[in-house]
């Protein structure tokens, strides 16, 4: 299966969702009240009530209303990847790229720069990271680079890969093109995988 094409704006896309939340202070109800109203099913489940007729326990709830919340939009395979671009931190004739994973992300992740020349990679798994230069055994390397003339050429792209399924098959999931729209010589772009 081919990787899904994404754009720079997909990393930070948000949407407004509406959720029920407390509009008043919390107060006590009978087990029967919470059991009979689907809006309070969560409160009933955690109340300690053994049945709707249980008069020993109390269900704590509040009056609820719909409130808007702004949330990030997941990438097509359910991932969230943060992107940070630092300007003028590398030599002016190169662009660096870095891959990090949040503390709760332990499965294999990789970012590959595909250009007319040799592909350059950074990958990590279970808190360790590697680069493919000078060799695949470059332990603790999380940053790679390429000449800016190559990095910013029209056909160059990043390919994001991760392990999937119970066998951990390494799978390309996203392709990011049009690198020159956001990057320039001297930049370092950091991709931080925060949800998979």
N, C-alpha and C. Protein backbone atom coordinates (compact mmCIF):
# COMPACT_ATOMS: atom_id res chain seq x y z
N UNK A 1 0.85 -1.18 0.00
CA UNK A 1 0.00 0.00 0.00
C UNK A 1 0.89 1.24 0.00
N UNK A 2 0.57 2.20 -0.84
CA UNK A 2 1.37 3.41 -0.96
C UNK A 2 1.13 4.34 0.22
N UNK A 3 2.15 5.13 0.52
CA UNK A 3 2.04 6.13 1.58
C UNK A 3 1.06 7.21 1.16
N UNK A 4 0.37 7.79 2.12
CA UNK A 4 -0.60 8.86 1.88
C UNK A 4 0.12 10.20 1.79
N UNK A 5 -0.19 10.97 0.75
CA UNK A 5 0.39 12.30 0.60
C UNK A 5 -0.22 13.24 1.64
N UNK A 6 0.64 13.96 2.35
CA UNK A 6 0.18 14.95 3.33
C UNK A 6 0.87 16.28 3.03
N UNK A 7 0.39 17.34 3.65
CA UNK A 7 0.98 18.66 3.48
C UNK A 7 1.47 19.17 4.84
N UNK A 8 2.23 20.25 4.81
CA UNK A 8 2.72 20.83 6.05
C UNK A 8 1.58 21.19 6.99
N UNK A 9 0.47 21.67 6.44
CA UNK A 9 -0.64 22.11 7.29
C UNK A 9 -1.33 20.94 8.00
N UNK A 10 -1.16 19.73 7.49
CA UNK A 10 -1.79 18.57 8.13
C UNK A 10 -1.21 18.31 9.52
N UNK A 11 0.04 18.71 9.76
CA UNK A 11 0.65 18.47 11.07
C UNK A 11 -0.02 19.28 12.18
N UNK A 12 -0.55 20.45 11.84
CA UNK A 12 -1.12 21.33 12.86
C UNK A 12 -2.62 21.55 12.70
N UNK A 13 -3.26 20.75 11.87
CA UNK A 13 -4.70 20.92 11.64
C UNK A 13 -5.49 20.69 12.92
N UNK A 14 -6.50 21.52 13.15
CA UNK A 14 -7.36 21.39 14.32
C UNK A 14 -8.82 21.40 13.88
N UNK A 15 -9.67 20.95 14.77
CA UNK A 15 -11.11 20.99 14.54
C UNK A 15 -11.80 21.28 15.88
N UNK A 16 -12.96 21.85 15.79
CA UNK A 16 -13.76 22.11 17.00
C UNK A 16 -14.74 20.97 17.17
N UNK A 17 -14.72 20.35 18.34
CA UNK A 17 -15.67 19.29 18.67
C UNK A 17 -16.46 19.73 19.89
N UNK A 18 -17.67 19.26 19.99
CA UNK A 18 -18.54 19.62 21.11
C UNK A 18 -18.71 18.42 22.03
N UNK A 19 -18.52 18.66 23.32
CA UNK A 19 -18.64 17.60 24.31
C UNK A 19 -19.44 18.10 25.50
N UNK A 20 -20.14 17.15 26.12
CA UNK A 20 -20.83 17.49 27.35
C UNK A 20 -19.81 17.64 28.47
N UNK A 21 -19.97 18.70 29.24
CA UNK A 21 -19.11 18.95 30.39
C UNK A 21 -19.94 19.63 31.47
N UNK A 22 -19.43 19.63 32.70
CA UNK A 22 -20.18 20.22 33.81
C UNK A 22 -20.41 21.71 33.61
N UNK A 23 -21.65 22.12 33.83
CA UNK A 23 -21.99 23.54 33.80
C UNK A 23 -22.31 24.04 35.20
N UNK A 24 -22.40 23.12 36.15
CA UNK A 24 -22.67 23.48 37.55
C UNK A 24 -21.68 22.73 38.44
N UNK A 25 -21.75 23.01 39.72
CA UNK A 25 -20.93 22.25 40.66
C UNK A 25 -21.47 20.83 40.80
N UNK A 26 -20.65 19.96 41.32
CA UNK A 26 -21.02 18.56 41.48
C UNK A 26 -21.94 18.39 42.69
N UNK A 27 -22.94 17.54 42.56
CA UNK A 27 -23.83 17.23 43.67
C UNK A 27 -24.25 15.77 43.60
N UNK A 28 -24.84 15.27 44.69
CA UNK A 28 -25.16 13.86 44.82
C UNK A 28 -26.53 13.53 44.25
N UNK A 29 -26.60 12.35 43.63
CA UNK A 29 -27.86 11.80 43.13
C UNK A 29 -27.97 10.36 43.59
N UNK A 30 -29.16 9.83 43.46
CA UNK A 30 -29.37 8.42 43.77
C UNK A 30 -28.80 7.57 42.64
N UNK A 31 -28.52 6.32 42.94
CA UNK A 31 -28.07 5.37 41.92
C UNK A 31 -29.11 5.23 40.83
N UNK A 32 -30.37 5.26 41.21
CA UNK A 32 -31.46 5.12 40.26
C UNK A 32 -31.46 6.26 39.23
N UNK A 33 -31.22 7.49 39.71
CA UNK A 33 -31.20 8.64 38.81
C UNK A 33 -30.11 8.48 37.76
N UNK A 34 -28.89 8.15 38.18
CA UNK A 34 -27.77 8.05 37.23
C UNK A 34 -27.95 6.87 36.28
N UNK A 35 -28.51 5.77 36.78
CA UNK A 35 -28.70 4.58 35.94
C UNK A 35 -29.74 4.82 34.86
N UNK A 36 -30.72 5.69 35.13
CA UNK A 36 -31.82 5.88 34.17
C UNK A 36 -31.53 6.96 33.13
N UNK A 37 -30.46 7.72 33.30
CA UNK A 37 -30.15 8.81 32.37
C UNK A 37 -28.81 8.52 31.67
N UNK A 38 -28.86 8.24 30.38
CA UNK A 38 -27.66 7.90 29.61
C UNK A 38 -26.57 8.96 29.66
N UNK A 39 -26.95 10.21 29.92
CA UNK A 39 -25.97 11.28 30.01
C UNK A 39 -25.02 11.06 31.19
N UNK A 40 -25.46 10.31 32.18
CA UNK A 40 -24.66 10.09 33.38
C UNK A 40 -24.16 8.64 33.48
N UNK A 41 -24.08 7.95 32.37
CA UNK A 41 -23.64 6.55 32.41
C UNK A 41 -22.21 6.43 32.92
N UNK A 42 -21.34 7.37 32.58
CA UNK A 42 -19.97 7.34 33.07
C UNK A 42 -19.89 7.52 34.57
N UNK A 43 -20.68 8.45 35.10
CA UNK A 43 -20.72 8.67 36.53
C UNK A 43 -21.29 7.46 37.26
N UNK A 44 -22.31 6.83 36.66
CA UNK A 44 -22.91 5.65 37.27
C UNK A 44 -21.89 4.51 37.32
N UNK A 45 -21.12 4.34 36.24
CA UNK A 45 -20.15 3.25 36.17
C UNK A 45 -19.05 3.38 37.22
N UNK A 46 -18.71 4.59 37.60
CA UNK A 46 -17.62 4.80 38.57
C UNK A 46 -18.14 5.13 39.97
N UNK A 47 -19.45 5.05 40.17
CA UNK A 47 -20.04 5.51 41.44
C UNK A 47 -19.93 4.51 42.58
N UNK A 48 -19.76 3.24 42.26
CA UNK A 48 -19.81 2.22 43.29
C UNK A 48 -21.21 1.65 43.46
N UNK A 49 -22.17 2.21 42.73
CA UNK A 49 -23.54 1.69 42.77
C UNK A 49 -23.54 0.25 42.25
N UNK A 50 -24.17 -0.63 42.98
CA UNK A 50 -24.24 -2.03 42.59
C UNK A 50 -25.44 -2.34 41.70
N UNK A 51 -26.45 -1.48 41.76
CA UNK A 51 -27.66 -1.63 40.93
C UNK A 51 -28.43 -0.31 41.01
N UNK A 52 -29.41 -0.10 40.12
CA UNK A 52 -30.21 1.12 40.22
C UNK A 52 -30.94 1.24 41.56
N UNK A 53 -31.25 0.13 42.17
CA UNK A 53 -31.95 0.16 43.44
C UNK A 53 -31.05 0.27 44.65
N UNK A 54 -29.76 0.44 44.44
CA UNK A 54 -28.80 0.55 45.54
C UNK A 54 -29.00 1.89 46.24
N UNK A 55 -29.36 1.85 47.56
CA UNK A 55 -29.55 3.09 48.32
C UNK A 55 -28.37 3.36 49.23
N UNK A 56 -27.37 2.48 49.23
CA UNK A 56 -26.20 2.65 50.08
C UNK A 56 -25.20 3.63 49.47
N UNK A 57 -25.07 3.59 48.14
CA UNK A 57 -24.09 4.44 47.47
C UNK A 57 -24.76 5.66 46.85
N UNK A 58 -23.93 6.60 46.46
CA UNK A 58 -24.40 7.84 45.84
C UNK A 58 -23.68 8.04 44.52
N UNK A 59 -24.38 8.59 43.58
CA UNK A 59 -23.79 8.92 42.27
C UNK A 59 -23.59 10.43 42.22
N UNK A 60 -22.35 10.86 42.05
CA UNK A 60 -22.05 12.30 42.00
C UNK A 60 -22.04 12.77 40.55
N UNK A 61 -22.79 13.83 40.29
CA UNK A 61 -22.90 14.33 38.93
C UNK A 61 -23.08 15.84 38.95
N UNK A 62 -23.37 16.41 37.82
CA UNK A 62 -23.58 17.85 37.67
C UNK A 62 -24.51 18.07 36.49
N UNK A 63 -25.01 19.27 36.36
CA UNK A 63 -25.78 19.61 35.17
C UNK A 63 -24.78 19.82 34.05
N UNK A 64 -25.06 19.22 32.90
CA UNK A 64 -24.11 19.27 31.79
C UNK A 64 -24.63 20.12 30.65
N UNK A 65 -23.69 20.66 29.92
CA UNK A 65 -24.01 21.42 28.71
C UNK A 65 -22.95 21.10 27.66
N UNK A 66 -23.28 21.36 26.41
CA UNK A 66 -22.31 21.15 25.33
C UNK A 66 -21.35 22.33 25.28
N UNK A 67 -20.04 22.02 25.29
CA UNK A 67 -19.01 23.05 25.20
C UNK A 67 -18.09 22.73 24.02
N UNK A 68 -17.59 23.77 23.34
CA UNK A 68 -16.66 23.53 22.23
C UNK A 68 -15.23 23.30 22.76
N UNK A 69 -14.54 22.34 22.16
CA UNK A 69 -13.14 22.06 22.44
C UNK A 69 -12.39 22.01 21.12
N UNK A 70 -11.22 22.60 21.09
CA UNK A 70 -10.38 22.54 19.89
C UNK A 70 -9.40 21.39 20.06
N UNK A 71 -9.40 20.49 19.08
CA UNK A 71 -8.53 19.33 19.12
C UNK A 71 -7.73 19.22 17.84
N UNK A 72 -6.56 18.59 17.93
CA UNK A 72 -5.78 18.31 16.74
C UNK A 72 -6.48 17.25 15.90
N UNK A 73 -6.34 17.37 14.60
CA UNK A 73 -6.86 16.37 13.68
C UNK A 73 -5.76 15.35 13.45
N UNK A 74 -6.09 14.08 13.67
CA UNK A 74 -5.12 13.02 13.46
C UNK A 74 -4.79 12.90 11.98
N UNK A 75 -3.56 12.48 11.68
CA UNK A 75 -3.18 12.14 10.32
C UNK A 75 -3.95 10.89 9.91
N UNK A 76 -4.02 10.57 8.61
CA UNK A 76 -4.91 9.50 8.15
C UNK A 76 -4.75 8.14 8.83
N UNK A 77 -3.56 7.82 9.35
CA UNK A 77 -3.36 6.52 10.00
C UNK A 77 -3.46 6.64 11.52
N UNK A 78 -4.02 7.76 12.01
CA UNK A 78 -4.24 7.93 13.44
C UNK A 78 -3.08 8.54 14.21
N UNK A 79 -2.09 9.05 13.50
CA UNK A 79 -0.90 9.61 14.16
C UNK A 79 -1.03 11.10 14.41
N UNK A 80 -0.28 11.58 15.40
CA UNK A 80 -0.04 13.01 15.59
C UNK A 80 1.47 13.21 15.60
N UNK A 81 1.95 14.10 14.75
CA UNK A 81 3.37 14.40 14.65
C UNK A 81 3.53 15.91 14.79
N UNK A 82 4.30 16.33 15.80
CA UNK A 82 4.60 17.76 15.97
C UNK A 82 5.75 18.13 15.05
N UNK A 83 5.73 19.35 14.54
CA UNK A 83 6.81 19.84 13.67
C UNK A 83 7.31 21.18 14.21
N UNK A 84 8.63 21.28 14.36
CA UNK A 84 9.27 22.53 14.76
C UNK A 84 10.36 22.85 13.74
N UNK A 85 10.40 24.07 13.27
CA UNK A 85 11.45 24.49 12.34
C UNK A 85 12.26 25.59 13.01
N UNK A 86 13.55 25.32 13.21
CA UNK A 86 14.48 26.29 13.76
C UNK A 86 15.31 26.85 12.62
N UNK A 87 15.34 28.16 12.50
CA UNK A 87 16.07 28.81 11.40
C UNK A 87 17.48 29.19 11.84
N UNK A 88 18.40 29.16 10.89
CA UNK A 88 19.78 29.61 11.07
C UNK A 88 20.50 28.87 12.20
N UNK A 89 20.26 27.56 12.34
CA UNK A 89 20.96 26.77 13.35
C UNK A 89 21.95 25.80 12.72
N UNK A 90 21.88 25.61 11.41
CA UNK A 90 22.80 24.74 10.68
C UNK A 90 23.59 25.60 9.70
N UNK A 91 24.57 24.98 9.07
CA UNK A 91 25.31 25.69 8.02
C UNK A 91 24.32 26.14 6.94
N UNK A 92 24.59 27.26 6.32
CA UNK A 92 23.62 27.85 5.39
C UNK A 92 23.41 27.02 4.12
N UNK A 93 24.31 26.06 3.85
CA UNK A 93 24.16 25.26 2.63
C UNK A 93 23.59 23.88 2.90
N UNK A 94 23.08 23.64 4.12
CA UNK A 94 22.44 22.37 4.43
C UNK A 94 21.11 22.60 5.13
N UNK A 95 20.30 21.57 5.17
CA UNK A 95 19.09 21.53 5.97
C UNK A 95 19.17 20.25 6.81
N UNK A 96 18.95 20.39 8.10
CA UNK A 96 18.97 19.23 8.98
C UNK A 96 17.54 18.76 9.24
N UNK A 97 17.40 17.46 9.46
CA UNK A 97 16.10 16.94 9.87
C UNK A 97 16.31 15.97 11.02
N UNK A 98 15.38 16.03 11.96
CA UNK A 98 15.49 15.28 13.21
C UNK A 98 14.20 14.53 13.45
N UNK A 99 14.33 13.33 14.03
CA UNK A 99 13.16 12.54 14.42
C UNK A 99 13.25 12.23 15.91
N UNK A 100 12.17 12.53 16.61
CA UNK A 100 12.05 12.19 18.02
C UNK A 100 10.69 11.54 18.23
N UNK A 101 10.57 10.76 19.30
CA UNK A 101 9.28 10.18 19.67
C UNK A 101 8.98 10.53 21.11
N UNK A 102 7.72 10.78 21.40
CA UNK A 102 7.31 11.09 22.77
C UNK A 102 7.58 9.87 23.66
N UNK A 103 7.60 10.11 24.96
CA UNK A 103 7.97 9.05 25.91
C UNK A 103 7.05 7.84 25.83
N UNK A 104 5.80 8.01 25.46
CA UNK A 104 4.88 6.88 25.37
C UNK A 104 4.94 6.12 24.05
N UNK A 105 5.80 6.56 23.14
CA UNK A 105 5.91 5.93 21.82
C UNK A 105 7.16 5.07 21.81
N UNK A 106 6.99 3.76 21.73
CA UNK A 106 8.16 2.87 21.78
C UNK A 106 8.36 2.08 20.50
N UNK A 107 7.34 1.97 19.67
CA UNK A 107 7.49 1.18 18.44
C UNK A 107 8.33 1.94 17.41
N UNK A 108 8.90 1.21 16.49
CA UNK A 108 9.81 1.74 15.46
C UNK A 108 9.15 2.83 14.63
N UNK A 109 9.88 3.94 14.45
CA UNK A 109 9.47 5.07 13.60
C UNK A 109 10.66 5.48 12.75
N UNK A 110 10.40 6.00 11.55
CA UNK A 110 11.49 6.43 10.68
C UNK A 110 11.05 7.59 9.80
N UNK A 111 11.98 8.50 9.53
CA UNK A 111 11.81 9.54 8.53
C UNK A 111 12.94 9.37 7.53
N UNK A 112 12.57 9.29 6.25
CA UNK A 112 13.55 9.13 5.18
C UNK A 112 13.44 10.30 4.22
N UNK A 113 14.58 10.88 3.89
CA UNK A 113 14.61 11.93 2.88
C UNK A 113 14.91 11.26 1.54
N UNK A 114 13.95 11.33 0.62
CA UNK A 114 14.10 10.72 -0.70
C UNK A 114 14.39 11.83 -1.70
N UNK A 115 15.51 11.70 -2.40
CA UNK A 115 15.89 12.70 -3.41
C UNK A 115 16.46 11.96 -4.62
N UNK A 116 17.12 12.69 -5.51
CA UNK A 116 17.73 12.06 -6.68
C UNK A 116 18.95 11.24 -6.30
N UNK A 117 19.50 11.46 -5.13
CA UNK A 117 20.67 10.72 -4.68
C UNK A 117 20.31 9.65 -3.66
N UNK A 118 21.24 9.36 -2.79
CA UNK A 118 21.05 8.35 -1.76
C UNK A 118 20.02 8.80 -0.73
N UNK A 119 19.12 7.90 -0.31
CA UNK A 119 18.16 8.29 0.75
C UNK A 119 18.88 8.42 2.10
N UNK A 120 18.48 9.41 2.89
CA UNK A 120 19.03 9.62 4.22
C UNK A 120 17.93 9.35 5.23
N UNK A 121 18.27 8.63 6.30
CA UNK A 121 17.25 8.17 7.24
C UNK A 121 17.63 8.52 8.67
N UNK A 122 16.59 8.66 9.49
CA UNK A 122 16.70 8.71 10.94
C UNK A 122 15.58 7.82 11.46
N UNK A 123 15.91 6.92 12.37
CA UNK A 123 14.85 6.08 12.94
C UNK A 123 15.07 5.89 14.43
N UNK A 124 13.98 5.53 15.11
CA UNK A 124 14.08 5.29 16.55
C UNK A 124 13.14 4.17 16.95
N UNK A 125 13.46 3.62 18.12
CA UNK A 125 12.63 2.54 18.68
C UNK A 125 13.02 2.37 20.15
N UNK A 126 12.01 2.29 21.00
CA UNK A 126 12.22 2.01 22.44
C UNK A 126 13.24 2.95 23.08
N UNK A 127 13.22 4.22 22.72
CA UNK A 127 14.08 5.21 23.35
C UNK A 127 15.46 5.34 22.74
N UNK A 128 15.81 4.55 21.75
CA UNK A 128 17.11 4.67 21.08
C UNK A 128 16.89 5.16 19.66
N UNK A 129 17.94 5.76 19.07
CA UNK A 129 17.81 6.29 17.72
C UNK A 129 19.09 6.04 16.93
N UNK A 130 18.96 6.07 15.60
CA UNK A 130 20.08 5.81 14.70
C UNK A 130 19.92 6.65 13.43
N UNK A 131 21.04 6.85 12.71
CA UNK A 131 21.06 7.48 11.39
C UNK A 131 21.79 6.54 10.44
N UNK A 132 21.61 6.73 9.13
CA UNK A 132 22.29 5.84 8.19
C UNK A 132 23.62 6.39 7.71
N UNK A 133 24.16 7.37 8.38
CA UNK A 133 25.48 7.87 8.02
C UNK A 133 26.25 8.15 9.29
N UNK A 134 27.45 7.68 9.49
CA UNK A 134 28.24 6.93 8.51
C UNK A 134 27.86 5.46 8.36
N UNK A 135 27.07 4.90 9.28
CA UNK A 135 26.64 3.51 9.11
C UNK A 135 25.33 3.33 9.87
N UNK A 136 24.60 2.27 9.56
CA UNK A 136 23.33 2.05 10.26
C UNK A 136 23.48 1.81 11.76
N UNK A 137 24.68 1.61 12.23
CA UNK A 137 24.89 1.36 13.66
C UNK A 137 25.17 2.63 14.45
N UNK A 138 24.79 3.79 13.91
CA UNK A 138 25.07 5.07 14.59
C UNK A 138 24.10 5.27 15.74
N UNK A 139 24.37 4.61 16.81
CA UNK A 139 23.50 4.68 17.98
C UNK A 139 23.44 6.10 18.53
N UNK A 140 22.25 6.50 18.99
CA UNK A 140 21.97 7.81 19.59
C UNK A 140 22.02 8.98 18.61
N UNK A 141 22.02 8.70 17.32
CA UNK A 141 21.94 9.77 16.31
C UNK A 141 20.47 10.00 16.00
N UNK A 142 19.99 11.22 16.18
CA UNK A 142 18.59 11.52 15.85
C UNK A 142 18.45 12.62 14.81
N UNK A 143 19.59 13.07 14.24
CA UNK A 143 19.57 14.18 13.28
C UNK A 143 20.43 13.83 12.08
N UNK A 144 19.92 14.09 10.88
CA UNK A 144 20.66 13.89 9.65
C UNK A 144 20.57 15.19 8.85
N UNK A 145 21.29 15.29 7.75
CA UNK A 145 21.26 16.52 6.96
C UNK A 145 21.49 16.21 5.49
N UNK A 146 21.17 17.19 4.68
CA UNK A 146 21.40 17.09 3.24
C UNK A 146 21.68 18.50 2.72
N UNK A 147 22.44 18.56 1.61
CA UNK A 147 22.68 19.86 1.00
C UNK A 147 21.34 20.54 0.71
N UNK A 148 21.27 21.81 0.96
CA UNK A 148 20.00 22.52 0.76
C UNK A 148 19.57 22.49 -0.71
N UNK A 149 20.52 22.48 -1.64
CA UNK A 149 20.16 22.43 -3.07
C UNK A 149 19.45 21.13 -3.41
N UNK A 150 19.80 20.04 -2.72
CA UNK A 150 19.14 18.75 -2.93
C UNK A 150 17.83 18.70 -2.15
N UNK A 151 17.88 19.11 -0.89
CA UNK A 151 16.71 19.07 -0.01
C UNK A 151 15.55 19.87 -0.58
N UNK A 152 15.83 21.01 -1.17
CA UNK A 152 14.78 21.92 -1.61
C UNK A 152 14.40 21.75 -3.07
N UNK A 153 14.98 20.74 -3.74
CA UNK A 153 14.63 20.46 -5.14
C UNK A 153 13.19 19.96 -5.22
N UNK A 154 12.58 20.13 -6.37
CA UNK A 154 11.14 19.86 -6.50
C UNK A 154 10.75 18.41 -6.26
N UNK A 155 11.59 17.44 -6.57
CA UNK A 155 11.20 16.04 -6.41
C UNK A 155 11.54 15.44 -5.05
N UNK A 156 12.20 16.20 -4.19
CA UNK A 156 12.61 15.67 -2.89
C UNK A 156 11.42 15.62 -1.94
N UNK A 157 11.37 14.55 -1.12
CA UNK A 157 10.25 14.41 -0.19
C UNK A 157 10.71 13.66 1.06
N UNK A 158 9.94 13.83 2.12
CA UNK A 158 10.10 13.04 3.33
C UNK A 158 9.09 11.90 3.29
N UNK A 159 9.53 10.71 3.68
CA UNK A 159 8.63 9.57 3.83
C UNK A 159 8.66 9.16 5.30
N UNK A 160 7.49 9.09 5.90
CA UNK A 160 7.34 8.73 7.31
C UNK A 160 6.88 7.27 7.36
N UNK A 161 7.58 6.48 8.18
CA UNK A 161 7.30 5.04 8.28
C UNK A 161 7.16 4.65 9.75
N UNK A 162 6.41 3.58 9.98
CA UNK A 162 6.26 3.07 11.35
C UNK A 162 5.99 1.58 11.30
N UNK A 163 6.17 0.93 12.44
CA UNK A 163 5.84 -0.49 12.52
C UNK A 163 4.33 -0.60 12.76
N UNK A 164 3.73 -1.58 12.07
CA UNK A 164 2.29 -1.75 12.16
C UNK A 164 1.95 -3.21 12.38
N UNK A 165 0.83 -3.43 13.03
CA UNK A 165 0.32 -4.77 13.22
C UNK A 165 1.05 -5.54 14.30
N UNK A 166 0.58 -6.75 14.54
CA UNK A 166 1.15 -7.55 15.62
C UNK A 166 2.57 -8.01 15.30
N UNK A 167 2.94 -8.05 14.02
CA UNK A 167 4.29 -8.45 13.65
C UNK A 167 5.23 -7.27 13.49
N UNK A 168 4.72 -6.04 13.67
CA UNK A 168 5.57 -4.85 13.59
C UNK A 168 6.14 -4.61 12.21
N UNK A 169 5.37 -4.85 11.17
CA UNK A 169 5.84 -4.66 9.80
C UNK A 169 6.17 -3.20 9.55
N UNK A 170 7.38 -2.94 9.07
CA UNK A 170 7.80 -1.56 8.76
C UNK A 170 7.05 -1.10 7.51
N UNK A 171 6.25 -0.05 7.69
CA UNK A 171 5.32 0.39 6.64
C UNK A 171 5.45 1.89 6.41
N UNK A 172 5.57 2.30 5.13
CA UNK A 172 5.53 3.72 4.78
C UNK A 172 4.09 4.20 4.91
N UNK A 173 3.88 5.28 5.69
CA UNK A 173 2.51 5.74 5.91
C UNK A 173 2.22 7.12 5.33
N UNK A 174 3.22 8.02 5.28
CA UNK A 174 2.98 9.39 4.78
C UNK A 174 4.13 9.84 3.90
N UNK A 175 3.80 10.70 2.92
CA UNK A 175 4.80 11.37 2.09
C UNK A 175 4.56 12.87 2.18
N UNK A 176 5.64 13.62 2.41
CA UNK A 176 5.56 15.08 2.48
C UNK A 176 6.46 15.66 1.40
N UNK A 177 5.86 16.34 0.44
CA UNK A 177 6.61 16.99 -0.65
C UNK A 177 6.59 18.50 -0.44
N UNK A 178 7.05 19.23 -1.45
CA UNK A 178 7.05 20.70 -1.42
C UNK A 178 7.82 21.22 -0.21
N UNK A 179 9.00 20.67 0.02
CA UNK A 179 9.79 21.02 1.19
C UNK A 179 10.23 22.48 1.17
N UNK A 180 10.45 23.02 -0.03
CA UNK A 180 10.94 24.39 -0.14
C UNK A 180 9.91 25.43 0.29
N UNK A 181 8.64 25.03 0.43
CA UNK A 181 7.63 26.00 0.87
C UNK A 181 7.79 26.37 2.34
N UNK A 182 8.49 25.53 3.11
CA UNK A 182 8.68 25.80 4.54
C UNK A 182 10.14 25.87 4.96
N UNK A 183 11.04 25.28 4.20
CA UNK A 183 12.43 25.16 4.62
C UNK A 183 13.36 25.97 3.74
N UNK A 184 14.49 26.35 4.31
CA UNK A 184 15.54 27.03 3.57
C UNK A 184 16.88 26.63 4.17
N UNK A 185 17.96 26.93 3.47
CA UNK A 185 19.28 26.57 3.96
C UNK A 185 19.53 27.10 5.36
N UNK A 186 20.13 26.27 6.22
CA UNK A 186 20.39 26.65 7.60
C UNK A 186 19.32 26.22 8.58
N UNK A 187 18.21 25.66 8.07
CA UNK A 187 17.10 25.24 8.93
C UNK A 187 17.34 23.85 9.53
N UNK A 188 16.71 23.62 10.66
CA UNK A 188 16.58 22.27 11.23
C UNK A 188 15.11 22.04 11.46
N UNK A 189 14.56 21.00 10.84
CA UNK A 189 13.17 20.64 11.05
C UNK A 189 13.13 19.41 11.95
N UNK A 190 12.37 19.50 13.03
CA UNK A 190 12.24 18.41 13.99
C UNK A 190 10.84 17.84 13.91
N UNK A 191 10.77 16.56 13.64
CA UNK A 191 9.49 15.83 13.65
C UNK A 191 9.44 15.06 14.95
N UNK A 192 8.39 15.25 15.74
CA UNK A 192 8.25 14.56 17.02
C UNK A 192 6.95 13.77 17.00
N UNK A 193 7.07 12.46 16.94
CA UNK A 193 5.91 11.56 16.88
C UNK A 193 5.31 11.49 18.28
N UNK A 194 4.09 11.99 18.43
CA UNK A 194 3.47 12.04 19.77
C UNK A 194 2.28 11.11 19.94
N UNK A 195 1.78 10.56 18.84
CA UNK A 195 0.68 9.58 18.92
C UNK A 195 0.77 8.66 17.72
N UNK A 196 0.63 7.36 17.96
CA UNK A 196 0.59 6.42 16.84
C UNK A 196 -0.56 5.45 16.98
